[in-house]
Amino acid sequence: MVTRFLAEENKLFGIEISTPGLKGQSGGPLFNSEGIVYGMQFSTKHLHLGFDIVEKEILLNNKIKKVSDYSFIHLGQCIHVDTIKEFLTDNNVKFYEE
């Protein structure tokens, strides 16, 4: 799911998605609902959510345990297809569109 668009200096360059990319997936395609390439994965952003639990006592198997948890959301980042096409055009690389 697209969560937001990425821009610098008021120029769209990418797409943030709610699915994180796994190591080694950079360069993989992002498809739109019709199966057309819409972007290309380039990184995963890790955002701290602030729902931290530090040394909270819980009952586990009838014993008190202390647990800690630091919540993050992992969001995939993709280069927008228009940015890819602009790069290919600027560098005289042939590509096809439907």
N, C-alpha and C. Protein backbone atom coordinates (compact mmCIF):
# COMPACT_ATOMS: atom_id res chain seq x y z
N MET A 1 0.84 -1.17 0.00
CA MET A 1 0.00 0.00 0.00
C MET A 1 0.89 1.24 0.00
N VAL A 2 0.60 2.19 -0.86
CA VAL A 2 1.33 3.46 -0.89
C VAL A 2 0.92 4.27 0.33
N THR A 3 1.92 4.70 1.12
CA THR A 3 1.62 5.50 2.31
C THR A 3 1.83 6.99 2.08
N ARG A 4 2.79 7.33 1.23
CA ARG A 4 2.98 8.74 0.87
C ARG A 4 3.99 8.83 -0.27
N PHE A 5 4.03 10.00 -0.88
CA PHE A 5 4.99 10.26 -1.94
C PHE A 5 6.19 10.99 -1.34
N LEU A 6 7.36 10.80 -1.95
CA LEU A 6 8.60 11.41 -1.48
C LEU A 6 9.01 12.51 -2.45
N ALA A 7 9.39 13.67 -1.91
CA ALA A 7 9.77 14.80 -2.75
C ALA A 7 10.91 15.56 -2.10
N GLU A 8 11.71 16.19 -2.94
CA GLU A 8 12.75 17.12 -2.52
C GLU A 8 12.62 18.37 -3.36
N GLU A 9 12.69 19.51 -2.71
CA GLU A 9 12.57 20.80 -3.41
C GLU A 9 11.34 20.81 -4.31
N ASN A 10 10.21 20.33 -3.78
CA ASN A 10 8.92 20.28 -4.47
C ASN A 10 8.93 19.44 -5.73
N LYS A 11 9.89 18.51 -5.84
CA LYS A 11 9.92 17.61 -6.99
C LYS A 11 9.74 16.17 -6.51
N LEU A 12 8.70 15.52 -7.03
CA LEU A 12 8.42 14.13 -6.70
C LEU A 12 9.55 13.24 -7.22
N PHE A 13 10.07 12.36 -6.36
CA PHE A 13 11.10 11.43 -6.81
C PHE A 13 10.82 10.00 -6.38
N GLY A 14 9.93 9.81 -5.39
CA GLY A 14 9.76 8.45 -4.90
C GLY A 14 8.42 8.20 -4.26
N ILE A 15 8.29 6.96 -3.80
CA ILE A 15 7.06 6.47 -3.19
C ILE A 15 7.43 5.69 -1.94
N GLU A 16 6.71 5.94 -0.86
CA GLU A 16 6.89 5.15 0.36
C GLU A 16 5.74 4.15 0.42
N ILE A 17 6.08 2.89 0.75
CA ILE A 17 5.05 1.86 0.83
C ILE A 17 5.08 1.20 2.20
N SER A 18 3.94 0.65 2.60
CA SER A 18 3.83 0.07 3.93
C SER A 18 4.53 -1.29 4.05
N THR A 19 4.97 -1.84 2.93
CA THR A 19 5.68 -3.11 2.95
C THR A 19 7.18 -2.86 2.99
N PRO A 20 7.88 -3.39 3.99
CA PRO A 20 9.33 -3.18 4.02
C PRO A 20 10.02 -4.03 2.98
N GLY A 21 11.12 -3.52 2.46
CA GLY A 21 11.96 -4.34 1.59
C GLY A 21 12.91 -5.15 2.45
N LEU A 22 13.17 -6.36 2.05
CA LEU A 22 14.13 -7.19 2.75
C LEU A 22 15.50 -7.00 2.13
N LYS A 23 16.55 -7.35 2.87
CA LYS A 23 17.89 -7.21 2.32
C LYS A 23 17.98 -7.97 1.01
N GLY A 24 18.57 -7.31 0.02
CA GLY A 24 18.72 -7.92 -1.30
C GLY A 24 17.59 -7.60 -2.26
N GLN A 25 16.53 -6.92 -1.80
CA GLN A 25 15.41 -6.63 -2.69
C GLN A 25 15.54 -5.28 -3.40
N SER A 26 16.54 -4.50 -3.07
CA SER A 26 16.72 -3.24 -3.78
C SER A 26 16.89 -3.52 -5.26
N GLY A 27 16.25 -2.71 -6.08
CA GLY A 27 16.26 -2.92 -7.51
C GLY A 27 15.05 -3.68 -8.00
N GLY A 28 14.26 -4.22 -7.07
CA GLY A 28 13.05 -4.95 -7.45
C GLY A 28 11.94 -3.98 -7.84
N PRO A 29 11.00 -4.44 -8.68
CA PRO A 29 9.94 -3.56 -9.17
C PRO A 29 8.80 -3.36 -8.17
N LEU A 30 8.17 -2.20 -8.27
CA LEU A 30 6.90 -1.91 -7.61
C LEU A 30 5.89 -1.82 -8.74
N PHE A 31 4.83 -2.63 -8.66
CA PHE A 31 3.82 -2.65 -9.72
C PHE A 31 2.57 -1.90 -9.28
N ASN A 32 1.87 -1.29 -10.24
CA ASN A 32 0.57 -0.70 -9.94
C ASN A 32 -0.49 -1.80 -10.05
N SER A 33 -1.75 -1.44 -9.88
CA SER A 33 -2.83 -2.44 -9.85
C SER A 33 -3.04 -3.13 -11.20
N GLU A 34 -2.52 -2.56 -12.28
CA GLU A 34 -2.64 -3.19 -13.61
C GLU A 34 -1.40 -4.02 -13.97
N GLY A 35 -0.45 -4.13 -13.05
CA GLY A 35 0.75 -4.91 -13.31
C GLY A 35 1.83 -4.17 -14.06
N ILE A 36 1.71 -2.85 -14.17
CA ILE A 36 2.71 -2.02 -14.84
C ILE A 36 3.71 -1.54 -13.80
N VAL A 37 4.99 -1.51 -14.17
CA VAL A 37 6.03 -1.04 -13.24
C VAL A 37 5.75 0.42 -12.89
N TYR A 38 5.68 0.70 -11.59
CA TYR A 38 5.36 2.03 -11.06
C TYR A 38 6.56 2.63 -10.34
N GLY A 39 7.55 1.79 -10.00
CA GLY A 39 8.72 2.27 -9.29
C GLY A 39 9.70 1.13 -9.07
N MET A 40 10.79 1.44 -8.35
CA MET A 40 11.82 0.46 -8.06
C MET A 40 12.29 0.63 -6.62
N GLN A 41 12.28 -0.46 -5.86
CA GLN A 41 12.71 -0.45 -4.45
C GLN A 41 14.15 0.02 -4.33
N PHE A 42 14.42 0.96 -3.39
CA PHE A 42 15.81 1.36 -3.19
C PHE A 42 16.24 1.31 -1.73
N SER A 43 15.32 1.27 -0.79
CA SER A 43 15.72 1.18 0.62
C SER A 43 14.52 0.87 1.50
N THR A 44 14.81 0.63 2.77
CA THR A 44 13.78 0.49 3.78
C THR A 44 14.08 1.49 4.89
N LYS A 45 13.07 2.28 5.26
CA LYS A 45 13.19 3.26 6.32
C LYS A 45 12.65 2.65 7.61
N HIS A 46 13.34 2.89 8.72
CA HIS A 46 12.94 2.36 10.02
C HIS A 46 12.57 3.54 10.92
N LEU A 47 11.29 3.69 11.22
CA LEU A 47 10.82 4.82 12.04
C LEU A 47 10.44 4.34 13.44
N HIS A 48 11.02 4.98 14.43
CA HIS A 48 10.70 4.67 15.82
C HIS A 48 9.30 5.18 16.12
N LEU A 49 8.45 4.33 16.69
CA LEU A 49 7.06 4.69 16.92
C LEU A 49 6.80 5.32 18.29
N GLY A 50 7.73 5.16 19.23
CA GLY A 50 7.55 5.77 20.54
C GLY A 50 6.66 4.99 21.49
N PHE A 51 6.36 3.74 21.18
CA PHE A 51 5.55 2.91 22.07
C PHE A 51 6.45 2.00 22.90
N ASP A 52 7.50 2.55 23.45
CA ASP A 52 8.50 1.74 24.15
C ASP A 52 7.97 1.16 25.46
N ILE A 53 8.40 -0.06 25.71
CA ILE A 53 8.13 -0.73 26.98
C ILE A 53 9.51 -1.08 27.54
N VAL A 54 9.81 -0.57 28.72
CA VAL A 54 11.13 -0.80 29.30
C VAL A 54 10.98 -1.48 30.66
N GLU A 55 11.52 -2.68 30.74
CA GLU A 55 11.52 -3.48 31.96
C GLU A 55 10.14 -3.56 32.62
N LYS A 56 9.14 -3.83 31.81
CA LYS A 56 7.78 -4.01 32.33
C LYS A 56 7.65 -5.42 32.87
N GLU A 57 7.06 -5.52 34.05
CA GLU A 57 6.85 -6.84 34.65
C GLU A 57 5.59 -7.46 34.08
N ILE A 58 5.73 -8.71 33.62
CA ILE A 58 4.58 -9.47 33.12
C ILE A 58 4.61 -10.84 33.77
N LEU A 59 3.47 -11.49 33.77
CA LEU A 59 3.38 -12.84 34.28
C LEU A 59 3.48 -13.81 33.10
N LEU A 60 4.50 -14.65 33.10
CA LEU A 60 4.74 -15.59 32.02
C LEU A 60 5.02 -16.96 32.62
N ASN A 61 4.16 -17.92 32.30
CA ASN A 61 4.29 -19.28 32.88
C ASN A 61 4.33 -19.23 34.41
N ASN A 62 3.45 -18.42 34.98
CA ASN A 62 3.32 -18.26 36.44
C ASN A 62 4.57 -17.69 37.10
N LYS A 63 5.40 -16.99 36.32
CA LYS A 63 6.59 -16.34 36.88
C LYS A 63 6.62 -14.89 36.40
N ILE A 64 7.07 -14.02 37.26
CA ILE A 64 7.23 -12.60 36.89
C ILE A 64 8.50 -12.47 36.05
N LYS A 65 8.35 -11.84 34.87
CA LYS A 65 9.47 -11.58 33.98
C LYS A 65 9.47 -10.10 33.66
N LYS A 66 10.65 -9.54 33.43
CA LYS A 66 10.76 -8.17 32.96
C LYS A 66 11.05 -8.20 31.47
N VAL A 67 10.28 -7.41 30.72
CA VAL A 67 10.46 -7.36 29.27
C VAL A 67 10.65 -5.92 28.82
N SER A 68 11.33 -5.78 27.69
CA SER A 68 11.49 -4.48 27.04
C SER A 68 11.17 -4.65 25.56
N ASP A 69 10.58 -3.62 24.98
CA ASP A 69 10.27 -3.65 23.55
C ASP A 69 10.33 -2.23 23.01
N TYR A 70 10.99 -2.07 21.89
CA TYR A 70 11.11 -0.78 21.23
C TYR A 70 10.51 -0.92 19.84
N SER A 71 9.35 -0.30 19.62
CA SER A 71 8.59 -0.50 18.39
C SER A 71 9.08 0.40 17.26
N PHE A 72 9.22 -0.22 16.09
CA PHE A 72 9.56 0.49 14.87
C PHE A 72 8.60 0.06 13.78
N ILE A 73 8.40 0.94 12.80
CA ILE A 73 7.70 0.55 11.58
C ILE A 73 8.75 0.56 10.47
N HIS A 74 8.66 -0.41 9.60
CA HIS A 74 9.62 -0.56 8.51
C HIS A 74 8.89 -0.30 7.20
N LEU A 75 9.29 0.75 6.49
CA LEU A 75 8.61 1.19 5.28
C LEU A 75 9.54 1.10 4.08
N GLY A 76 9.06 0.50 3.00
CA GLY A 76 9.84 0.44 1.77
C GLY A 76 9.86 1.80 1.09
N GLN A 77 10.96 2.08 0.42
CA GLN A 77 11.07 3.31 -0.36
C GLN A 77 11.41 2.93 -1.79
N CYS A 78 10.70 3.54 -2.73
CA CYS A 78 10.86 3.24 -4.15
C CYS A 78 11.10 4.52 -4.94
N ILE A 79 11.93 4.41 -5.97
CA ILE A 79 12.09 5.50 -6.93
C ILE A 79 10.86 5.49 -7.83
N HIS A 80 10.25 6.65 -8.02
CA HIS A 80 9.06 6.77 -8.87
C HIS A 80 9.44 6.51 -10.33
N VAL A 81 8.55 5.88 -11.08
CA VAL A 81 8.82 5.54 -12.48
C VAL A 81 9.16 6.76 -13.32
N ASP A 82 8.57 7.91 -13.04
CA ASP A 82 8.89 9.12 -13.81
C ASP A 82 10.34 9.54 -13.61
N THR A 83 10.87 9.35 -12.40
CA THR A 83 12.27 9.66 -12.12
C THR A 83 13.18 8.69 -12.87
N ILE A 84 12.79 7.43 -12.92
CA ILE A 84 13.56 6.43 -13.67
C ILE A 84 13.58 6.79 -15.16
N LYS A 85 12.41 7.12 -15.71
CA LYS A 85 12.33 7.47 -17.14
C LYS A 85 13.15 8.72 -17.44
N GLU A 86 13.12 9.70 -16.54
CA GLU A 86 13.91 10.92 -16.73
C GLU A 86 15.40 10.60 -16.76
N PHE A 87 15.85 9.74 -15.84
CA PHE A 87 17.25 9.34 -15.80
C PHE A 87 17.65 8.61 -17.09
N LEU A 88 16.81 7.68 -17.54
CA LEU A 88 17.12 6.93 -18.77
C LEU A 88 17.17 7.86 -19.98
N THR A 89 16.24 8.79 -20.07
CA THR A 89 16.20 9.74 -21.18
C THR A 89 17.45 10.63 -21.16
N ASP A 90 17.79 11.16 -19.98
CA ASP A 90 18.96 12.04 -19.85
C ASP A 90 20.25 11.33 -20.24
N ASN A 91 20.29 10.01 -20.08
CA ASN A 91 21.50 9.24 -20.37
C ASN A 91 21.39 8.44 -21.66
N ASN A 92 20.43 8.82 -22.50
CA ASN A 92 20.25 8.20 -23.82
C ASN A 92 20.13 6.67 -23.76
N VAL A 93 19.40 6.19 -22.76
CA VAL A 93 19.15 4.76 -22.64
C VAL A 93 17.77 4.48 -23.21
N LYS A 94 17.70 3.54 -24.16
CA LYS A 94 16.45 3.20 -24.81
C LYS A 94 15.55 2.40 -23.86
N PHE A 95 14.27 2.74 -23.82
CA PHE A 95 13.28 1.99 -23.05
C PHE A 95 11.94 2.06 -23.76
N TYR A 96 11.04 1.18 -23.38
CA TYR A 96 9.74 1.10 -24.03
C TYR A 96 8.62 1.37 -23.04
N GLU A 97 7.56 1.99 -23.54
CA GLU A 97 6.38 2.28 -22.74
C GLU A 97 5.15 1.76 -23.49
N GLU A 98 4.12 1.44 -22.72
CA GLU A 98 2.85 1.06 -23.35
C GLU A 98 1.90 2.22 -23.28
